[in-house]
Amino acid sequence: MKNLKCKDNEKFLVVGGALTSGVLSQAEIERLATIPSMDELRAKIIGLLQAPGAALARVTKAYSEKEAA
């Protein structure tokens, strides 16, 4: 397994990894490193939940402005 360097800290070096399922390969470690943080995931979910409401508000506003004109 090739040692993995941290992009934010040159002195930090990953030499291996393990979970309860066993030893992780280099590809699995790299995949875990690219998972977004919990805060990023929460923000994405909130954005997805708000999108339909915002679209409905824009359509409603457009119709009300059209009727007012």
Foldseek 3Di string as FASTA:
>chain_A
DDWDADPVDRVDIHPWDADPVGTDDPVRVVVVVPDDDPVVVVVVVVVVVCVVVVVVVVVVVVVVVVVVD
